[in-house]
Amino acid sequence: MSSAPKVRVMVDTTVLVAGSVWPRWPREVLLAGVRREFQLVLTPYVIEQARRILRHRFPDYLRSFEEFLAQAPLEIVPGPSSAELAQHRGLVRDETDVPIALAAINAGVDYLVSEDKDLTAHDSTTAELRQRLTVLLSGTFLRHVLGRSGEQLEQVRGRNWTDLEDSL
């Protein structure tokens, strides 16, 4: 008997950074990926963006981020070509998010998890994106895809580093 294929989920820079720095919902998404509750998919563009932000704004967390990358069961997918980027420039409101959105679409992931309003808004700026890709906030993903209860989500919402014994 074969098992069903795992859900493939790409996370963006906002989830990588927030999940590295604060012990809340984005971190829970990353930990679920480490626990293989889904296949975590990343693109080099997102990894480099996260490294740059952590290096400049949160340097104390860069080492644990690198350890996470080394231990997590990641699927690395390529970014879009320059021609694709030029062709889809208006896919989302912020042009710096276009490579992320296109990489997720091209990889055929089931979900893109983000905390970025330019990707998660439900308005005309994301209409084309939403036709091609399901983008969810971390909490929504945890609840509706991974089945976390409201009580579990509330526990994560309020936790701090002293509450945690796990690490990425």
C-alpha atoms as a PDB file:
ATOM      1  CA  MET A   1       0.000   0.000   0.000  1.00  0.00           C
ATOM      2  CA  SER A   2       1.499   3.343  -0.992  1.00  0.00           C
ATOM      3  CA  SER A   3       1.058   6.462   1.061  1.00  0.00           C
ATOM      4  CA  ALA A   4      -0.489   9.593  -0.371  1.00  0.00           C
ATOM      5  CA  PRO A   5       1.976  12.166  -1.651  1.00  0.00           C
ATOM      6  CA  LYS A   6       2.810  14.878   0.822  1.00  0.00           C
ATOM      7  CA  VAL A   7       1.401  18.327   0.425  1.00  0.00           C
ATOM      8  CA  ARG A   8       4.119  20.575  -1.009  1.00  0.00           C
ATOM      9  CA  VAL A   9       4.341  23.985   0.629  1.00  0.00           C
ATOM     10  CA  MET A  10       6.563  26.920  -0.223  1.00  0.00           C
ATOM     11  CA  VAL A  11       7.155  29.550   2.422  1.00  0.00           C
ATOM     12  CA  ASP A  12       8.338  33.043   1.632  1.00  0.00           C
ATOM     13  CA  THR A  13      10.908  35.284   3.268  1.00  0.00           C
ATOM     14  CA  THR A  14       8.443  36.668   5.803  1.00  0.00           C
ATOM     15  CA  VAL A  15       7.809  33.186   7.190  1.00  0.00           C
ATOM     16  CA  LEU A  16      11.491  32.251   7.228  1.00  0.00           C
ATOM     17  CA  VAL A  17      12.496  35.437   9.047  1.00  0.00           C
ATOM     18  CA  ALA A  18       9.572  35.580  11.472  1.00  0.00           C
ATOM     19  CA  GLY A  19       9.879  31.856  12.133  1.00  0.00           C
ATOM     20  CA  SER A  20      13.553  32.296  12.949  1.00  0.00           C
ATOM     21  CA  VAL A  21      13.130  35.313  15.225  1.00  0.00           C
ATOM     22  CA  TRP A  22       9.760  34.881  17.001  1.00  0.00           C
ATOM     23  CA  PRO A  23       8.250  31.659  18.419  1.00  0.00           C
ATOM     24  CA  ARG A  24       4.799  32.148  16.942  1.00  0.00           C
ATOM     25  CA  TRP A  25       2.791  30.815  13.966  1.00  0.00           C
ATOM     26  CA  PRO A  26       5.485  31.143  11.261  1.00  0.00           C
ATOM     27  CA  ARG A  27       7.859  29.180  13.497  1.00  0.00           C
ATOM     28  CA  GLU A  28       5.198  26.523  13.976  1.00  0.00           C
ATOM     29  CA  VAL A  29       4.910  26.234  10.188  1.00  0.00           C
ATOM     30  CA  LEU A  30       8.684  25.719   9.896  1.00  0.00           C
ATOM     31  CA  LEU A  31       8.706  23.176  12.723  1.00  0.00           C
ATOM     32  CA  ALA A  32       5.880  21.255  11.031  1.00  0.00           C
ATOM     33  CA  GLY A  33       8.028  21.159   7.890  1.00  0.00           C
ATOM     34  CA  VAL A  34      10.979  19.832   9.887  1.00  0.00           C
ATOM     35  CA  ARG A  35       8.660  17.169  11.353  1.00  0.00           C
ATOM     36  CA  ARG A  36       7.728  16.243   7.759  1.00  0.00           C
ATOM     37  CA  GLU A  37       4.048  17.070   8.149  1.00  0.00           C
ATOM     38  CA  PHE A  38       4.392  18.435   4.620  1.00  0.00           C
ATOM     39  CA  GLN A  39       7.159  18.843   2.073  1.00  0.00           C
ATOM     40  CA  LEU A  40       8.825  22.208   2.671  1.00  0.00           C
ATOM     41  CA  VAL A  41       9.780  23.865  -0.612  1.00  0.00           C
ATOM     42  CA  LEU A  42      12.151  26.827  -0.913  1.00  0.00           C
ATOM     43  CA  THR A  43      13.771  28.782  -3.683  1.00  0.00           C
ATOM     44  CA  PRO A  44      17.308  30.205  -3.461  1.00  0.00           C
ATOM     45  CA  TYR A  45      15.878  33.734  -3.838  1.00  0.00           C
ATOM     46  CA  VAL A  46      13.871  33.365  -0.604  1.00  0.00           C
ATOM     47  CA  ILE A  47      16.796  31.828   1.262  1.00  0.00           C
ATOM     48  CA  GLU A  48      19.115  34.670   0.239  1.00  0.00           C
ATOM     49  CA  GLN A  49      16.523  37.324   1.107  1.00  0.00           C
ATOM     50  CA  ALA A  50      16.112  35.767   4.566  1.00  0.00           C
ATOM     51  CA  ARG A  51      19.870  35.603   5.093  1.00  0.00           C
ATOM     52  CA  ARG A  52      20.247  39.259   4.128  1.00  0.00           C
ATOM     53  CA  ILE A  53      17.467  40.407   6.459  1.00  0.00           C
ATOM     54  CA  LEU A  54      18.711  38.296   9.358  1.00  0.00           C
ATOM     55  CA  ARG A  55      22.301  39.446   8.823  1.00  0.00           C
ATOM     56  CA  HIS A  56      21.314  43.119   8.893  1.00  0.00           C
ATOM     57  CA  ARG A  57      18.361  43.220  11.309  1.00  0.00           C
ATOM     58  CA  PHE A  58      18.614  40.105  13.483  1.00  0.00           C
ATOM     59  CA  PRO A  59      22.235  38.867  13.371  1.00  0.00           C
ATOM     60  CA  ASP A  60      21.840  36.849  16.579  1.00  0.00           C
ATOM     61  CA  TYR A  61      19.434  34.529  14.740  1.00  0.00           C
ATOM     62  CA  LEU A  62      21.490  33.890  11.602  1.00  0.00           C
ATOM     63  CA  ARG A  63      23.301  30.865  13.015  1.00  0.00           C
ATOM     64  CA  SER A  64      20.097  29.093  14.041  1.00  0.00           C
ATOM     65  CA  PHE A  65      18.644  29.876  10.612  1.00  0.00           C
ATOM     66  CA  GLU A  66      21.641  28.224   8.937  1.00  0.00           C
ATOM     67  CA  GLU A  67      21.240  25.221  11.244  1.00  0.00           C
ATOM     68  CA  PHE A  68      17.577  25.009  10.262  1.00  0.00           C
ATOM     69  CA  LEU A  69      18.530  24.990   6.565  1.00  0.00           C
ATOM     70  CA  ALA A  70      21.089  22.251   7.200  1.00  0.00           C
ATOM     71  CA  GLN A  71      18.685  19.954   9.069  1.00  0.00           C
ATOM     72  CA  ALA A  72      15.323  20.585   7.434  1.00  0.00           C
ATOM     73  CA  PRO A  73      14.150  18.184   4.724  1.00  0.00           C
ATOM     74  CA  LEU A  74      13.948  20.842   2.020  1.00  0.00           C
ATOM     75  CA  GLU A  75      13.056  20.669  -1.624  1.00  0.00           C
ATOM     76  CA  ILE A  76      14.908  23.461  -3.415  1.00  0.00           C
ATOM     77  CA  VAL A  77      13.285  24.649  -6.646  1.00  0.00           C
ATOM     78  CA  PRO A  78      14.701  27.088  -9.184  1.00  0.00           C
ATOM     79  CA  GLY A  79      13.571  30.651  -9.534  1.00  0.00           C
ATOM     80  CA  PRO A  80      11.987  32.016 -12.689  1.00  0.00           C
ATOM     81  CA  SER A  81      14.005  33.215 -15.655  1.00  0.00           C
ATOM     82  CA  SER A  82      14.558  36.898 -16.398  1.00  0.00           C
ATOM     83  CA  ALA A  83      12.164  36.590 -19.327  1.00  0.00           C
ATOM     84  CA  GLU A  84       9.440  35.167 -17.073  1.00  0.00           C
ATOM     85  CA  LEU A  85       9.990  37.954 -14.546  1.00  0.00           C
ATOM     86  CA  ALA A  86       9.644  40.588 -17.266  1.00  0.00           C
ATOM     87  CA  GLN A  87       6.529  38.923 -18.658  1.00  0.00           C
ATOM     88  CA  HIS A  88       4.780  38.730 -15.255  1.00  0.00           C
ATOM     89  CA  ARG A  89       5.938  42.014 -13.735  1.00  0.00           C
ATOM     90  CA  GLY A  90       2.389  42.907 -12.594  1.00  0.00           C
ATOM     91  CA  LEU A  91       1.532  39.528 -11.060  1.00  0.00           C
ATOM     92  CA  VAL A  92       1.525  41.107  -7.580  1.00  0.00           C
ATOM     93  CA  ARG A  93       1.719  44.641  -6.230  1.00  0.00           C
ATOM     94  CA  ASP A  94       5.359  44.450  -5.031  1.00  0.00           C
ATOM     95  CA  GLU A  95       7.766  43.501  -7.831  1.00  0.00           C
ATOM     96  CA  THR A  96      10.175  41.916  -5.324  1.00  0.00           C
ATOM     97  CA  ASP A  97       7.488  39.277  -4.650  1.00  0.00           C
ATOM     98  CA  VAL A  98       7.123  38.274  -8.307  1.00  0.00           C
ATOM     99  CA  PRO A  99      10.105  35.839  -8.214  1.00  0.00           C
ATOM    100  CA  ILE A 100       8.595  34.113  -5.180  1.00  0.00           C
ATOM    101  CA  ALA A 101       5.128  33.839  -6.683  1.00  0.00           C
ATOM    102  CA  LEU A 102       6.449  32.570 -10.015  1.00  0.00           C
ATOM    103  CA  ALA A 103       8.761  30.037  -8.368  1.00  0.00           C
ATOM    104  CA  ALA A 104       5.802  28.671  -6.398  1.00  0.00           C
ATOM    105  CA  ILE A 105       3.595  28.539  -9.492  1.00  0.00           C
ATOM    106  CA  ASN A 106       6.321  26.931 -11.621  1.00  0.00           C
ATOM    107  CA  ALA A 107       7.058  24.346  -8.916  1.00  0.00           C
ATOM    108  CA  GLY A 108       3.381  23.424  -8.713  1.00  0.00           C
ATOM    109  CA  VAL A 109       3.248  23.687  -4.933  1.00  0.00           C
ATOM    110  CA  ASP A 110      -0.059  23.153  -3.190  1.00  0.00           C
ATOM    111  CA  TYR A 111       0.297  26.275  -1.039  1.00  0.00           C
ATOM    112  CA  LEU A 112       2.434  29.359  -0.602  1.00  0.00           C
ATOM    113  CA  VAL A 113       2.519  30.449   3.042  1.00  0.00           C
ATOM    114  CA  SER A 114       3.274  34.114   3.646  1.00  0.00           C
ATOM    115  CA  GLU A 115       2.793  36.965   6.085  1.00  0.00           C
ATOM    116  CA  ASP A 116       3.238  39.500   3.265  1.00  0.00           C
ATOM    117  CA  LYS A 117       0.084  41.506   2.539  1.00  0.00           C
ATOM    118  CA  ASP A 118       1.239  41.973  -1.048  1.00  0.00           C
ATOM    119  CA  LEU A 119       0.770  38.212  -1.484  1.00  0.00           C
ATOM    120  CA  THR A 120      -2.082  37.479   0.924  1.00  0.00           C
ATOM    121  CA  ALA A 121      -4.474  40.356   0.163  1.00  0.00           C
ATOM    122  CA  HIS A 122      -7.811  39.371  -1.303  1.00  0.00           C
ATOM    123  CA  ASP A 123      -8.200  42.266  -3.700  1.00  0.00           C
ATOM    124  CA  SER A 124      -7.487  43.171  -7.314  1.00  0.00           C
ATOM    125  CA  THR A 125      -3.709  43.261  -6.689  1.00  0.00           C
ATOM    126  CA  THR A 126      -3.630  39.479  -6.151  1.00  0.00           C
ATOM    127  CA  ALA A 127      -6.515  38.365  -8.385  1.00  0.00           C
ATOM    128  CA  GLU A 128      -4.297  36.765 -11.048  1.00  0.00           C
ATOM    129  CA  LEU A 129      -2.061  35.193  -8.408  1.00  0.00           C
ATOM    130  CA  ARG A 130      -5.062  33.659  -6.585  1.00  0.00           C
ATOM    131  CA  GLN A 131      -6.229  32.082  -9.851  1.00  0.00           C
ATOM    132  CA  ARG A 132      -2.917  30.267 -10.148  1.00  0.00           C
ATOM    133  CA  LEU A 133      -1.861  29.634  -6.538  1.00  0.00           C
ATOM    134  CA  THR A 134      -3.336  29.237  -3.057  1.00  0.00           C
ATOM    135  CA  VAL A 135      -1.632  31.709  -0.718  1.00  0.00           C
ATOM    136  CA  LEU A 136      -2.337  31.429   3.005  1.00  0.00           C
ATOM    137  CA  LEU A 137      -1.266  33.200   6.171  1.00  0.00           C
ATOM    138  CA  SER A 138       0.628  30.997   8.641  1.00  0.00           C
ATOM    139  CA  GLY A 139      -2.262  30.711  11.091  1.00  0.00           C
ATOM    140  CA  THR A 140      -4.740  29.889   8.343  1.00  0.00           C
ATOM    141  CA  PHE A 141      -2.416  27.214   6.960  1.00  0.00           C
ATOM    142  CA  LEU A 142      -1.938  25.686  10.411  1.00  0.00           C
ATOM    143  CA  ARG A 143      -5.683  25.593  11.019  1.00  0.00           C
ATOM    144  CA  HIS A 144      -7.138  24.633   7.659  1.00  0.00           C
ATOM    145  CA  VAL A 145      -4.396  22.475   6.178  1.00  0.00           C
ATOM    146  CA  LEU A 146      -2.600  20.974   9.174  1.00  0.00           C
ATOM    147  CA  GLY A 147      -5.719  20.783  11.345  1.00  0.00           C
ATOM    148  CA  ARG A 148      -4.498  22.716  14.378  1.00  0.00           C
ATOM    149  CA  SER A 149      -7.337  23.588  16.742  1.00  0.00           C
ATOM    150  CA  GLY A 150      -8.213  27.094  17.821  1.00  0.00           C
ATOM    151  CA  GLU A 151      -6.860  26.256  21.274  1.00  0.00           C
ATOM    152  CA  GLN A 152      -3.549  25.064  19.831  1.00  0.00           C
ATOM    153  CA  LEU A 153      -3.263  28.221  17.725  1.00  0.00           C
ATOM    154  CA  GLU A 154      -3.947  30.431  20.741  1.00  0.00           C
ATOM    155  CA  GLN A 155      -1.180  28.679  22.680  1.00  0.00           C
ATOM    156  CA  VAL A 156       1.252  29.375  19.841  1.00  0.00           C
ATOM    157  CA  ARG A 157       0.061  32.976  19.439  1.00  0.00           C
ATOM    158  CA  GLY A 158       1.039  33.871  22.981  1.00  0.00           C
ATOM    159  CA  ARG A 159       4.179  31.855  23.471  1.00  0.00           C
ATOM    160  CA  ASN A 160       7.624  33.262  24.040  1.00  0.00           C
ATOM    161  CA  TRP A 161      11.118  31.833  23.921  1.00  0.00           C
ATOM    162  CA  THR A 162      11.063  30.703  27.558  1.00  0.00           C
ATOM    163  CA  ASP A 163       8.005  28.555  26.734  1.00  0.00           C
ATOM    164  CA  LEU A 164       9.936  26.631  24.070  1.00  0.00           C
ATOM    165  CA  GLU A 165      12.170  23.656  24.479  1.00  0.00           C
ATOM    166  CA  ASP A 166      12.348  22.890  20.779  1.00  0.00           C
ATOM    167  CA  SER A 167      14.646  24.511  18.291  1.00  0.00           C
ATOM    168  CA  LEU A 168      14.852  24.781  14.562  1.00  0.00           C
END
